[in-house]
PDB file of N, CA and C in Angstrom:
ATOM      1  N   UNK A   1      24.416 -12.138  -4.595  1.00  0.00           N
ATOM      2  CA  UNK A   1      23.145 -10.862  -5.082  1.00  0.00           C
ATOM      3  C   UNK A   1      22.194 -10.633  -4.244  1.00  0.00           C
ATOM      4  N   UNK A   2      21.295 -11.526  -3.654  1.00  0.00           N
ATOM      5  CA  UNK A   2      20.670 -11.285  -2.565  1.00  0.00           C
ATOM      6  C   UNK A   2      21.320  -9.831  -1.499  1.00  0.00           C
ATOM      7  N   UNK A   3      22.328 -10.451  -1.059  1.00  0.00           N
ATOM      8  CA  UNK A   3      22.689  -9.749   0.268  1.00  0.00           C
ATOM      9  C   UNK A   3      23.140  -8.388  -0.611  1.00  0.00           C
ATOM     10  N   UNK A   4      23.315  -8.254  -1.447  1.00  0.00           N
ATOM     11  CA  UNK A   4      23.917  -7.150  -2.746  1.00  0.00           C
ATOM     12  C   UNK A   4      23.117  -6.358  -2.887  1.00  0.00           C
ATOM     13  N   UNK A   5      21.632  -6.874  -3.106  1.00  0.00           N
ATOM     14  CA  UNK A   5      20.451  -6.199  -3.944  1.00  0.00           C
ATOM     15  C   UNK A   5      20.050  -5.615  -2.092  1.00  0.00           C
ATOM     16  N   UNK A   6      19.723  -6.362  -1.337  1.00  0.00           N
ATOM     17  CA  UNK A   6      19.133  -5.679  -0.015  1.00  0.00           C
ATOM     18  C   UNK A   6      19.797  -4.401   0.315  1.00  0.00           C
ATOM     19  N   UNK A   7      21.243  -4.390   0.396  1.00  0.00           N
ATOM     20  CA  UNK A   7      22.046  -3.350   0.477  1.00  0.00           C
ATOM     21  C   UNK A   7      21.891  -2.662  -0.011  1.00  0.00           C
ATOM     22  N   UNK A   8      21.781  -2.137  -1.214  1.00  0.00           N
ATOM     23  CA  UNK A   8      21.461  -1.220  -2.236  1.00  0.00           C
ATOM     24  C   UNK A   8      20.170  -0.721  -1.914  1.00  0.00           C
ATOM     25  N   UNK A   9      19.043  -1.439  -1.630  1.00  0.00           N
ATOM     26  CA  UNK A   9      17.836  -1.203  -1.326  1.00  0.00           C
ATOM     27  C   UNK A   9      17.730  -0.447   0.381  1.00  0.00           C
ATOM     28  N   UNK A  10      18.722  -0.432   1.244  1.00  0.00           N
ATOM     29  CA  UNK A  10      18.968   0.031   2.584  1.00  0.00           C
ATOM     30  C   UNK A  10      19.580   1.043   2.433  1.00  0.00           C
ATOM     31  N   UNK A  11      20.656   1.320   1.292  1.00  0.00           N
ATOM     32  CA  UNK A  11      21.372   2.330   0.928  1.00  0.00           C
ATOM     33  C   UNK A  11      20.323   3.366   0.616  1.00  0.00           C
ATOM     34  N   UNK A  12      19.491   3.067  -0.787  1.00  0.00           N
ATOM     35  CA  UNK A  12      18.766   4.079  -1.234  1.00  0.00           C
ATOM     36  C   UNK A  12      17.230   4.682  -0.046  1.00  0.00           C
ATOM     37  N   UNK A  13      17.205   3.740   0.827  1.00  0.00           N
ATOM     38  CA  UNK A  13      16.281   4.062   1.986  1.00  0.00           C
ATOM     39  C   UNK A  13      16.554   5.042   2.660  1.00  0.00           C
ATOM     40  N   UNK A  14      17.937   4.796   3.527  1.00  0.00           N
ATOM     41  CA  UNK A  14      19.077   5.542   4.421  1.00  0.00           C
ATOM     42  C   UNK A  14      19.042   7.105   3.433  1.00  0.00           C
ATOM     43  N   UNK A  15      19.137   7.095   2.580  1.00  0.00           N
ATOM     44  CA  UNK A  15      19.726   8.405   1.559  1.00  0.00           C
ATOM     45  C   UNK A  15      18.404   9.170   1.281  1.00  0.00           C
ATOM     46  N   UNK A  16      17.323   8.068   1.065  1.00  0.00           N
ATOM     47  CA  UNK A  16      15.972   9.086   1.228  1.00  0.00           C
ATOM     48  C   UNK A  16      15.669  10.038   2.533  1.00  0.00           C
ATOM     49  N   UNK A  17      15.769   8.927   3.464  1.00  0.00           N
ATOM     50  CA  UNK A  17      15.390   9.485   4.726  1.00  0.00           C
ATOM     51  C   UNK A  17      16.602  10.187   5.268  1.00  0.00           C
ATOM     52  N   UNK A  18      17.708  10.434   4.810  1.00  0.00           N
ATOM     53  CA  UNK A  18      18.377  11.725   4.959  1.00  0.00           C
ATOM     54  C   UNK A  18      18.156  12.909   4.204  1.00  0.00           C
ATOM     55  N   UNK A  19      18.146  12.624   2.763  1.00  0.00           N
ATOM     56  CA  UNK A  19      17.331  13.684   2.614  1.00  0.00           C
ATOM     57  C   UNK A  19      16.234  14.687   3.372  1.00  0.00           C
ATOM     58  N   UNK A  20      14.936  13.760   3.799  1.00  0.00           N
ATOM     59  CA  UNK A  20      14.229  14.238   4.422  1.00  0.00           C
ATOM     60  C   UNK A  20      14.269  15.065   5.486  1.00  0.00           C
ATOM     61  N   UNK A  21      15.890  14.265   6.358  1.00  0.00           N
ATOM     62  CA  UNK A  21      15.857  15.011   7.469  1.00  0.00           C
ATOM     63  C   UNK A  21      16.869  16.480   7.004  1.00  0.00           C
ATOM     64  N   UNK A  22      17.509  16.659   6.494  1.00  0.00           N
ATOM     65  CA  UNK A  22      18.187  17.485   5.886  1.00  0.00           C
ATOM     66  C   UNK A  22      17.209  18.777   5.490  1.00  0.00           C
ATOM     67  N   UNK A  23      16.040  18.350   4.581  1.00  0.00           N
ATOM     68  CA  UNK A  23      14.846  19.576   4.088  1.00  0.00           C
ATOM     69  C   UNK A  23      14.357  19.623   5.405  1.00  0.00           C
ATOM     70  N   UNK A  24      14.002  19.059   5.797  1.00  0.00           N
ATOM     71  CA  UNK A  24      13.192  19.791   7.164  1.00  0.00           C
ATOM     72  C   UNK A  24      14.053  20.313   8.274  1.00  0.00           C
ATOM     73  N   UNK A  25      15.338  19.916   8.993  1.00  0.00           N
ATOM     74  CA  UNK A  25      15.902  20.806   9.337  1.00  0.00           C
ATOM     75  C   UNK A  25      16.568  22.278   8.752  1.00  0.00           C
ATOM     76  N   UNK A  26      16.579  22.486   7.482  1.00  0.00           N
ATOM     77  CA  UNK A  26      17.244  23.786   6.805  1.00  0.00           C
ATOM     78  C   UNK A  26      15.389  24.358   6.395  1.00  0.00           C
ATOM     79  N   UNK A  27      14.173  23.797   6.386  1.00  0.00           N
ATOM     80  CA  UNK A  27      13.135  24.495   6.467  1.00  0.00           C
ATOM     81  C   UNK A  27      12.166  24.124   7.562  1.00  0.00           C
ATOM     82  N   UNK A  28      12.508  23.548   8.096  1.00  0.00           N
ATOM     83  CA  UNK A  28      11.599  23.826   9.711  1.00  0.00           C
ATOM     84  C   UNK A  28      10.522  23.149   9.745  1.00  0.00           C
ATOM     85  N   UNK A  29      10.188  22.025   9.316  1.00  0.00           N
ATOM     86  CA  UNK A  29       9.368  20.989   8.572  1.00  0.00           C
ATOM     87  C   UNK A  29       9.445  19.344   9.691  1.00  0.00           C
ATOM     88  N   UNK A  30       8.342  19.542  10.474  1.00  0.00           N
ATOM     89  CA  UNK A  30       8.621  17.831  11.434  1.00  0.00           C
ATOM     90  C   UNK A  30       9.294  16.745  10.118  1.00  0.00           C
ATOM     91  N   UNK A  31       9.480  16.051  10.714  1.00  0.00           N
ATOM     92  CA  UNK A  31       9.955  14.633   9.678  1.00  0.00           C
ATOM     93  C   UNK A  31       8.268  13.710   9.369  1.00  0.00           C
ATOM     94  N   UNK A  32       7.764  14.160  10.417  1.00  0.00           N
ATOM     95  CA  UNK A  32       6.404  12.809  10.189  1.00  0.00           C
ATOM     96  C   UNK A  32       5.383  13.374   9.298  1.00  0.00           C
ATOM     97  N   UNK A  33       5.691  14.884   8.681  1.00  0.00           N
ATOM     98  CA  UNK A  33       4.805  15.914   8.302  1.00  0.00           C
ATOM     99  C   UNK A  33       5.611  15.209   6.285  1.00  0.00           C
ATOM    100  N   UNK A  34       6.673  15.035   6.443  1.00  0.00           N
ATOM    101  CA  UNK A  34       7.036  14.861   5.187  1.00  0.00           C
ATOM    102  C   UNK A  34       6.671  13.020   4.417  1.00  0.00           C
ATOM    103  N   UNK A  35       6.486  13.767   3.349  1.00  0.00           N
ATOM    104  CA  UNK A  35       5.787  12.391   2.415  1.00  0.00           C
ATOM    105  C   UNK A  35       7.428  11.412   1.720  1.00  0.00           C
ATOM    106  N   UNK A  36       7.427  10.518   2.185  1.00  0.00           N
ATOM    107  CA  UNK A  36       8.658   9.196   1.739  1.00  0.00           C
ATOM    108  C   UNK A  36       8.260   9.276   0.479  1.00  0.00           C
ATOM    109  N   UNK A  37       6.964   9.053  -0.148  1.00  0.00           N
ATOM    110  CA  UNK A  37       6.862   8.270  -1.328  1.00  0.00           C
ATOM    111  C   UNK A  37       7.094   9.799  -2.795  1.00  0.00           C
ATOM    112  N   UNK A  38       6.823  11.203  -1.914  1.00  0.00           N
ATOM    113  CA  UNK A  38       6.845  12.238  -2.448  1.00  0.00           C
ATOM    114  C   UNK A  38       8.418  12.649  -2.801  1.00  0.00           C
ATOM    115  N   UNK A  39       9.744  12.101  -1.544  1.00  0.00           N
ATOM    116  CA  UNK A  39      10.850  12.289  -2.100  1.00  0.00           C
ATOM    117  C   UNK A  39      11.393  11.323  -2.801  1.00  0.00           C
ATOM    118  N   UNK A  40      10.590  10.621  -3.057  1.00  0.00           N
ATOM    119  CA  UNK A  40      11.128   9.203  -3.962  1.00  0.00           C
ATOM    120  C   UNK A  40      11.301   9.884  -5.160  1.00  0.00           C
ATOM    121  N   UNK A  41       9.988  10.135  -5.618  1.00  0.00           N
ATOM    122  CA  UNK A  41       9.345  10.944  -6.992  1.00  0.00           C
ATOM    123  C   UNK A  41      10.562  12.091  -7.193  1.00  0.00           C
ATOM    124  N   UNK A  42      10.408  12.791  -5.833  1.00  0.00           N
ATOM    125  CA  UNK A  42      10.984  14.148  -6.752  1.00  0.00           C
ATOM    126  C   UNK A  42      12.999  13.749  -6.964  1.00  0.00           C
ATOM    127  N   UNK A  43      13.801  12.806  -6.117  1.00  0.00           N
ATOM    128  CA  UNK A  43      14.421  12.309  -6.316  1.00  0.00           C
ATOM    129  C   UNK A  43      15.129  11.712  -7.620  1.00  0.00           C
ATOM    130  N   UNK A  44      14.203  10.754  -7.915  1.00  0.00           N
ATOM    131  CA  UNK A  44      13.813  10.251  -9.373  1.00  0.00           C
ATOM    132  C   UNK A  44      14.037  11.463 -10.442  1.00  0.00           C
ATOM    133  N   UNK A  45      13.202  12.526 -10.550  1.00  0.00           N
ATOM    134  CA  UNK A  45      12.816  13.117 -11.736  1.00  0.00           C
ATOM    135  C   UNK A  45      14.534  14.368 -11.093  1.00  0.00           C
ATOM    136  N   UNK A  46      14.665  14.635 -10.218  1.00  0.00           N
ATOM    137  CA  UNK A  46      16.058  14.954 -10.348  1.00  0.00           C
ATOM    138  C   UNK A  46      17.474  14.662 -10.510  1.00  0.00           C
ATOM    139  N   UNK A  47      17.236  13.285 -10.378  1.00  0.00           N
ATOM    140  CA  UNK A  47      18.614  12.669 -10.445  1.00  0.00           C
ATOM    141  C   UNK A  47      19.348  12.882 -11.900  1.00  0.00           C
ATOM    142  N   UNK A  48      18.900  13.126 -12.885  1.00  0.00           N
ATOM    143  CA  UNK A  48      19.426  12.946 -14.363  1.00  0.00           C
ATOM    144  C   UNK A  48      19.941  14.295 -14.376  1.00  0.00           C
ATOM    145  N   UNK A  49      19.541  15.360 -13.665  1.00  0.00           N
ATOM    146  CA  UNK A  49      19.224  16.737 -14.235  1.00  0.00           C
ATOM    147  C   UNK A  49      20.946  16.938 -13.258  1.00  0.00           C
ATOM    148  N   UNK A  50      20.770  16.441 -11.826  1.00  0.00           N
ATOM    149  CA  UNK A  50      22.161  16.436 -10.918  1.00  0.00           C
ATOM    150  C   UNK A  50      23.311  16.058 -11.693  1.00  0.00           C
ATOM    151  N   UNK A  51      23.197  14.612 -12.182  1.00  0.00           N
ATOM    152  CA  UNK A  51      23.851  14.171 -12.263  1.00  0.00           C
ATOM    153  C   UNK A  51      24.382  14.687 -13.848  1.00  0.00           C
ATOM    154  N   UNK A  52      23.532  15.470 -14.480  1.00  0.00           N
ATOM    155  CA  UNK A  52      24.295  15.639 -15.789  1.00  0.00           C
ATOM    156  C   UNK A  52      24.670  17.829 -15.722  1.00  0.00           C
ATOM    157  N   UNK A  53      24.587  18.160 -14.384  1.00  0.00           N
ATOM    158  CA  UNK A  53      25.419  19.373 -14.100  1.00  0.00           C
ATOM    159  C   UNK A  53      26.715  19.525 -14.654  1.00  0.00           C
ATOM    160  N   UNK A  54      26.725  20.879 -15.466  1.00  0.00           N
ATOM    161  CA  UNK A  54      28.281  20.725 -15.415  1.00  0.00           C
ATOM    162  C   UNK A  54      29.248  21.171 -14.339  1.00  0.00           C
ATOM    163  N   UNK A  55      28.613  21.945 -13.553  1.00  0.00           N
ATOM    164  CA  UNK A  55      29.690  22.300 -12.410  1.00  0.00           C
ATOM    165  C   UNK A  55      28.933  22.046 -10.935  1.00  0.00           C
ATOM    166  N   UNK A  56      29.767  22.223 -10.153  1.00  0.00           N
ATOM    167  CA  UNK A  56      29.692  21.792  -8.834  1.00  0.00           C
ATOM    168  C   UNK A  56      28.275  23.214  -8.099  1.00  0.00           C
ATOM    169  N   UNK A  57      28.399  24.183  -8.653  1.00  0.00           N
ATOM    170  CA  UNK A  57      27.411  25.372  -8.345  1.00  0.00           C
ATOM    171  C   UNK A  57      26.132  25.392  -9.167  1.00  0.00           C
ATOM    172  N   UNK A  58      26.192  24.594 -10.786  1.00  0.00           N
ATOM    173  CA  UNK A  58      24.890  24.045 -10.629  1.00  0.00           C
ATOM    174  C   UNK A  58      24.011  22.851  -9.447  1.00  0.00           C
ATOM    175  N   UNK A  59      25.093  21.859  -9.356  1.00  0.00           N
ATOM    176  CA  UNK A  59      24.854  20.381  -8.658  1.00  0.00           C
ATOM    177  C   UNK A  59      23.982  21.360  -7.296  1.00  0.00           C
ATOM    178  N   UNK A  60      25.013  21.954  -6.645  1.00  0.00           N
ATOM    179  CA  UNK A  60      24.774  22.601  -5.203  1.00  0.00           C
ATOM    180  C   UNK A  60      23.119  23.225  -5.514  1.00  0.00           C
ATOM    181  N   UNK A  61      23.118  24.002  -6.713  1.00  0.00           N
ATOM    182  CA  UNK A  61      21.603  24.838  -6.956  1.00  0.00           C
ATOM    183  C   UNK A  61      20.219  24.085  -6.984  1.00  0.00           C
ATOM    184  N   UNK A  62      20.851  22.734  -7.514  1.00  0.00           N
ATOM    185  CA  UNK A  62      19.731  21.699  -7.601  1.00  0.00           C
ATOM    186  C   UNK A  62      19.280  21.434  -6.664  1.00  0.00           C
ATOM    187  N   UNK A  63      20.173  20.561  -5.731  1.00  0.00           N
ATOM    188  CA  UNK A  63      19.963  20.115  -4.807  1.00  0.00           C
ATOM    189  C   UNK A  63      19.727  20.701  -3.868  1.00  0.00           C
ATOM    190  N   UNK A  64      19.477  22.002  -3.507  1.00  0.00           N
ATOM    191  CA  UNK A  64      19.089  23.246  -2.665  1.00  0.00           C
ATOM    192  C   UNK A  64      17.147  22.798  -3.259  1.00  0.00           C
ATOM    193  N   UNK A  65      17.097  22.849  -4.659  1.00  0.00           N
ATOM    194  CA  UNK A  65      16.038  22.922  -5.564  1.00  0.00           C
ATOM    195  C   UNK A  65      15.047  21.817  -5.039  1.00  0.00           C
ATOM    196  N   UNK A  66      15.708  20.619  -5.001  1.00  0.00           N
ATOM    197  CA  UNK A  66      15.584  19.503  -4.536  1.00  0.00           C
ATOM    198  C   UNK A  66      14.941  19.491  -3.374  1.00  0.00           C
ATOM    199  N   UNK A  67      15.621  20.027  -2.149  1.00  0.00           N
ATOM    200  CA  UNK A  67      15.195  19.821  -0.882  1.00  0.00           C
ATOM    201  C   UNK A  67      13.984  20.821  -0.826  1.00  0.00           C
ATOM    202  N   UNK A  68      13.832  21.920  -1.232  1.00  0.00           N
ATOM    203  CA  UNK A  68      12.964  23.041  -1.255  1.00  0.00           C
ATOM    204  C   UNK A  68      11.709  22.495  -1.502  1.00  0.00           C
ATOM    205  N   UNK A  69      11.500  21.757  -2.648  1.00  0.00           N
ATOM    206  CA  UNK A  69      10.626  20.682  -2.792  1.00  0.00           C
ATOM    207  C   UNK A  69      10.223  19.423  -1.845  1.00  0.00           C
ATOM    208  N   UNK A  70      11.067  19.253  -1.479  1.00  0.00           N
ATOM    209  CA  UNK A  70      11.171  17.763  -0.711  1.00  0.00           C
ATOM    210  C   UNK A  70      10.075  18.479   0.509  1.00  0.00           C
ATOM    211  N   UNK A  71      10.673  19.902   0.820  1.00  0.00           N
ATOM    212  CA  UNK A  71      10.166  20.112   2.239  1.00  0.00           C
ATOM    213  C   UNK A  71       8.446  20.578   1.954  1.00  0.00           C
ATOM    214  N   UNK A  72       8.199  21.101   0.542  1.00  0.00           N
ATOM    215  CA  UNK A  72       6.628  21.574   0.147  1.00  0.00           C
ATOM    216  C   UNK A  72       5.991  20.738   0.668  1.00  0.00           C
ATOM    217  N   UNK A  73       6.162  19.399   0.184  1.00  0.00           N
ATOM    218  CA  UNK A  73       5.747  18.264  -0.366  1.00  0.00           C
ATOM    219  C   UNK A  73       5.287  17.662   1.204  1.00  0.00           C
ATOM    220  N   UNK A  74       3.772  17.943   1.828  1.00  0.00           N
ATOM    221  CA  UNK A  74       4.168  18.307   3.269  1.00  0.00           C
ATOM    222  C   UNK A  74       2.524  16.711   2.820  1.00  0.00           C
ATOM    223  N   UNK A  75       2.380  15.805   3.661  1.00  0.00           N
ATOM    224  CA  UNK A  75       1.264  15.536   3.851  1.00  0.00           C
ATOM    225  C   UNK A  75       0.423  15.986   4.889  1.00  0.00           C
ATOM    226  N   UNK A  76      -1.131  15.747   4.933  1.00  0.00           N
ATOM    227  CA  UNK A  76      -1.815  16.669   5.670  1.00  0.00           C
ATOM    228  C   UNK A  76      -1.739  16.153   6.930  1.00  0.00           C
ATOM    229  N   UNK A  77      -2.097  16.712   8.156  1.00  0.00           N
ATOM    230  CA  UNK A  77      -1.706  16.222   9.640  1.00  0.00           C
ATOM    231  C   UNK A  77      -3.292  15.622  10.135  1.00  0.00           C
ATOM    232  N   UNK A  78      -3.111  15.426  10.282  1.00  0.00           N
ATOM    233  CA  UNK A  78      -4.717  14.751  10.736  1.00  0.00           C
ATOM    234  C   UNK A  78      -4.531  13.176  12.263  1.00  0.00           C
ATOM    235  N   UNK A  79      -4.454  14.373  12.837  1.00  0.00           N
ATOM    236  CA  UNK A  79      -4.803  13.953  14.816  1.00  0.00           C
ATOM    237  C   UNK A  79      -5.619  12.864  14.587  1.00  0.00           C
ATOM    238  N   UNK A  80      -5.424  12.579  15.879  1.00  0.00           N
ATOM    239  CA  UNK A  80      -5.886  11.043  15.806  1.00  0.00           C
ATOM    240  C   UNK A  80      -6.376  10.194  14.763  1.00  0.00           C
ATOM    241  N   UNK A  81      -5.866   9.851  13.868  1.00  0.00           N
ATOM    242  CA  UNK A  81      -5.432   8.986  12.929  1.00  0.00           C
ATOM    243  C   UNK A  81      -4.770   7.517  12.878  1.00  0.00           C
ATOM    244  N   UNK A  82      -4.962   6.572  14.028  1.00  0.00           N
ATOM    245  CA  UNK A  82      -4.321   5.206  14.339  1.00  0.00           C
ATOM    246  C   UNK A  82      -5.429   4.417  13.897  1.00  0.00           C
ATOM    247  N   UNK A  83      -5.130   3.398  12.907  1.00  0.00           N
ATOM    248  CA  UNK A  83      -6.017   2.489  13.137  1.00  0.00           C
ATOM    249  C   UNK A  83      -4.873   1.273  12.872  1.00  0.00           C
ATOM    250  N   UNK A  84      -5.738   0.144  14.584  1.00  0.00           N
ATOM    251  CA  UNK A  84      -5.016  -0.952  14.511  1.00  0.00           C
ATOM    252  C   UNK A  84      -4.595  -1.642  13.486  1.00  0.00           C
ATOM    253  N   UNK A  85      -4.148  -2.249  13.551  1.00  0.00           N
ATOM    254  CA  UNK A  85      -3.352  -3.495  12.118  1.00  0.00           C
ATOM    255  C   UNK A  85      -4.533  -4.738  12.806  1.00  0.00           C
ATOM    256  N   UNK A  86      -5.089  -4.773  11.638  1.00  0.00           N
ATOM    257  CA  UNK A  86      -5.961  -6.229  12.062  1.00  0.00           C
ATOM    258  C   UNK A  86      -6.271  -7.069  10.205  1.00  0.00           C
ATOM    259  N   UNK A  87      -7.073  -7.747  10.893  1.00  0.00           N
ATOM    260  CA  UNK A  87      -7.084  -8.895   9.543  1.00  0.00           C
ATOM    261  C   UNK A  87      -8.499  -8.953   9.206  1.00  0.00           C
ATOM    262  N   UNK A  88      -9.117  -8.523   7.904  1.00  0.00           N
ATOM    263  CA  UNK A  88     -10.499  -8.555   7.913  1.00  0.00           C
ATOM    264  C   UNK A  88     -11.139  -9.596   7.288  1.00  0.00           C
ATOM    265  N   UNK A  89     -11.849 -10.569   7.920  1.00  0.00           N
ATOM    266  CA  UNK A  89     -12.312 -11.915   7.432  1.00  0.00           C
ATOM    267  C   UNK A  89     -13.446 -11.416   5.979  1.00  0.00           C
ATOM    268  N   UNK A  90     -13.263 -11.621   4.898  1.00  0.00           N
ATOM    269  CA  UNK A  90     -13.834 -10.847   3.276  1.00  0.00           C
ATOM    270  C   UNK A  90     -14.936 -12.427   3.658  1.00  0.00           C
ATOM    271  N   UNK A  91     -16.248 -12.545   3.443  1.00  0.00           N
ATOM    272  CA  UNK A  91     -16.832 -13.213   3.189  1.00  0.00           C
ATOM    273  C   UNK A  91     -16.871 -14.132   1.851  1.00  0.00           C
ATOM    274  N   UNK A  92     -16.743 -15.124   1.238  1.00  0.00           N
ATOM    275  CA  UNK A  92     -16.645 -15.428   0.223  1.00  0.00           C
ATOM    276  C   UNK A  92     -17.997 -16.187  -0.233  1.00  0.00           C
ATOM    277  N   UNK A  93     -18.539 -16.117  -1.392  1.00  0.00           N
ATOM    278  CA  UNK A  93     -19.662 -17.105  -1.887  1.00  0.00           C
ATOM    279  C   UNK A  93     -19.266 -18.340  -2.541  1.00  0.00           C
ATOM    280  N   UNK A  94     -18.284 -19.311  -1.743  1.00  0.00           N
ATOM    281  CA  UNK A  94     -18.411 -20.285  -2.177  1.00  0.00           C
ATOM    282  C   UNK A  94     -17.727 -21.289  -1.008  1.00  0.00           C
ATOM    283  N   UNK A  95     -18.364 -22.548  -0.872  1.00  0.00           N
ATOM    284  CA  UNK A  95     -18.206 -23.444  -0.066  1.00  0.00           C
ATOM    285  C   UNK A  95     -16.527 -23.881   0.005  1.00  0.00           C
ATOM    286  N   UNK A  96     -15.916 -23.870   1.140  1.00  0.00           N
ATOM    287  CA  UNK A  96     -14.738 -24.405   1.165  1.00  0.00           C
ATOM    288  C   UNK A  96     -14.071 -25.826   0.317  1.00  0.00           C
ATOM    289  N   UNK A  97     -12.852 -25.733  -0.369  1.00  0.00           N
ATOM    290  CA  UNK A  97     -12.751 -26.721  -1.481  1.00  0.00           C
ATOM    291  C   UNK A  97     -11.926 -27.975  -0.222  1.00  0.00           C
ATOM    292  N   UNK A  98     -12.541 -28.589   0.237  1.00  0.00           N
ATOM    293  CA  UNK A  98     -11.643 -29.324   1.513  1.00  0.00           C
ATOM    294  C   UNK A  98     -11.804 -31.114   1.084  1.00  0.00           C
ATOM    295  N   UNK A  99     -11.829 -31.200   0.244  1.00  0.00           N
ATOM    296  CA  UNK A  99     -11.640 -32.714  -0.210  1.00  0.00           C
ATOM    297  C   UNK A  99     -11.392 -32.508  -1.331  1.00  0.00           C
ATOM    298  N   UNK A 100     -10.443 -33.789  -2.403  1.00  0.00           N
ATOM    299  CA  UNK A 100     -10.291 -33.142  -3.755  1.00  0.00           C
ATOM    300  C   UNK A 100     -10.872 -33.227  -4.771  1.00  0.00           C
ATOM    301  N   UNK A 101     -11.046 -32.359  -5.703  1.00  0.00           N
ATOM    302  CA  UNK A 101     -12.131 -32.190  -6.833  1.00  0.00           C
ATOM    303  C   UNK A 101     -13.172 -33.297  -7.331  1.00  0.00           C
ATOM    304  N   UNK A 102     -12.706 -34.206  -7.285  1.00  0.00           N
ATOM    305  CA  UNK A 102     -13.164 -35.033  -8.294  1.00  0.00           C
ATOM    306  C   UNK A 102     -14.392 -35.732  -7.173  1.00  0.00           C
ATOM    307  N   UNK A 103     -14.329 -35.299  -5.685  1.00  0.00           N
ATOM    308  CA  UNK A 103     -15.413 -36.199  -4.843  1.00  0.00           C
ATOM    309  C   UNK A 103     -15.783 -34.567  -4.459  1.00  0.00           C
ATOM    310  N   UNK A 104     -15.661 -33.845  -4.537  1.00  0.00           N
ATOM    311  CA  UNK A 104     -16.399 -32.652  -3.912  1.00  0.00           C
ATOM    312  C   UNK A 104     -17.532 -32.426  -4.587  1.00  0.00           C
ATOM    313  N   UNK A 105     -18.238 -32.329  -4.023  1.00  0.00           N
ATOM    314  CA  UNK A 105     -20.104 -32.031  -4.124  1.00  0.00           C
ATOM    315  C   UNK A 105     -20.200 -30.845  -3.811  1.00  0.00           C
ATOM    316  N   UNK A 106     -21.417 -29.872  -4.745  1.00  0.00           N
ATOM    317  CA  UNK A 106     -21.511 -28.801  -4.136  1.00  0.00           C
ATOM    318  C   UNK A 106     -22.815 -28.793  -3.352  1.00  0.00           C
ATOM    319  N   UNK A 107     -23.007 -27.948  -2.347  1.00  0.00           N
ATOM    320  CA  UNK A 107     -24.515 -29.002  -1.518  1.00  0.00           C
ATOM    321  C   UNK A 107     -25.410 -27.569  -2.198  1.00  0.00           C
ATOM    322  N   UNK A 108     -26.458 -28.458  -1.718  1.00  0.00           N
ATOM    323  CA  UNK A 108     -28.044 -27.691  -1.873  1.00  0.00           C
ATOM    324  C   UNK A 108     -28.196 -26.585  -1.005  1.00  0.00           C
ATOM    325  N   UNK A 109     -28.472 -27.549  -0.075  1.00  0.00           N
ATOM    326  CA  UNK A 109     -29.116 -26.723   1.481  1.00  0.00           C
ATOM    327  C   UNK A 109     -27.853 -25.502   1.621  1.00  0.00           C
ATOM    328  N   UNK A 110     -27.151 -25.431   1.505  1.00  0.00           N
ATOM    329  CA  UNK A 110     -25.624 -24.245   2.019  1.00  0.00           C
ATOM    330  C   UNK A 110     -25.889 -23.251   0.897  1.00  0.00           C
ATOM    331  N   UNK A 111     -27.320 -22.306   0.671  1.00  0.00           N
ATOM    332  CA  UNK A 111     -27.731 -21.535  -0.243  1.00  0.00           C
ATOM    333  C   UNK A 111     -26.853 -20.162   0.711  1.00  0.00           C
ATOM    334  N   UNK A 112     -26.055 -19.948   1.555  1.00  0.00           N
ATOM    335  CA  UNK A 112     -25.327 -19.069   1.836  1.00  0.00           C
ATOM    336  C   UNK A 112     -24.238 -18.851   0.924  1.00  0.00           C
ATOM    337  N   UNK A 113     -23.754 -20.161   0.354  1.00  0.00           N
ATOM    338  CA  UNK A 113     -22.215 -20.118  -0.614  1.00  0.00           C
ATOM    339  C   UNK A 113     -22.660 -19.535  -2.166  1.00  0.00           C
ATOM    340  N   UNK A 114     -24.078 -19.307  -2.292  1.00  0.00           N
ATOM    341  CA  UNK A 114     -24.454 -19.175  -3.553  1.00  0.00           C
ATOM    342  C   UNK A 114     -24.845 -17.379  -3.850  1.00  0.00           C
ATOM    343  N   UNK A 115     -24.327 -16.497  -4.398  1.00  0.00           N
ATOM    344  CA  UNK A 115     -24.559 -15.433  -4.161  1.00  0.00           C
ATOM    345  C   UNK A 115     -25.959 -14.961  -4.744  1.00  0.00           C
ATOM    346  N   UNK A 116     -26.254 -15.632  -6.048  1.00  0.00           N
ATOM    347  CA  UNK A 116     -27.347 -14.587  -6.553  1.00  0.00           C
ATOM    348  C   UNK A 116     -28.832 -16.045  -5.987  1.00  0.00           C
ATOM    349  N   UNK A 117     -28.700 -16.636  -5.167  1.00  0.00           N
ATOM    350  CA  UNK A 117     -29.928 -16.968  -4.920  1.00  0.00           C
ATOM    351  C   UNK A 117     -30.861 -16.106  -3.975  1.00  0.00           C
TER     352      UNK A 117
END
């Protein structure tokens, strides 16, 4: 079942990317500028209407409208915004629990672990 679920996620991801590529090609928008989350939201909104369309012509019109909305939902161009991946250590106001709880004693001289002192 896990493999089936993963395959469905890959199919949904590829379908979303395919729609983005198609919208970008038709409306001449670079793929980097199209919003993945916006595409997912648009597909969710249009999926019911497309499924309930009575004719192929209506379905094609809805899909064309969907592609137009995908192409309009651009993310802003922000040049030079490349952040390195890093893990930030956040200081905690408590000492480390590195002994069993019943042996752990709060140290008075370590005031750096107390926030309100």
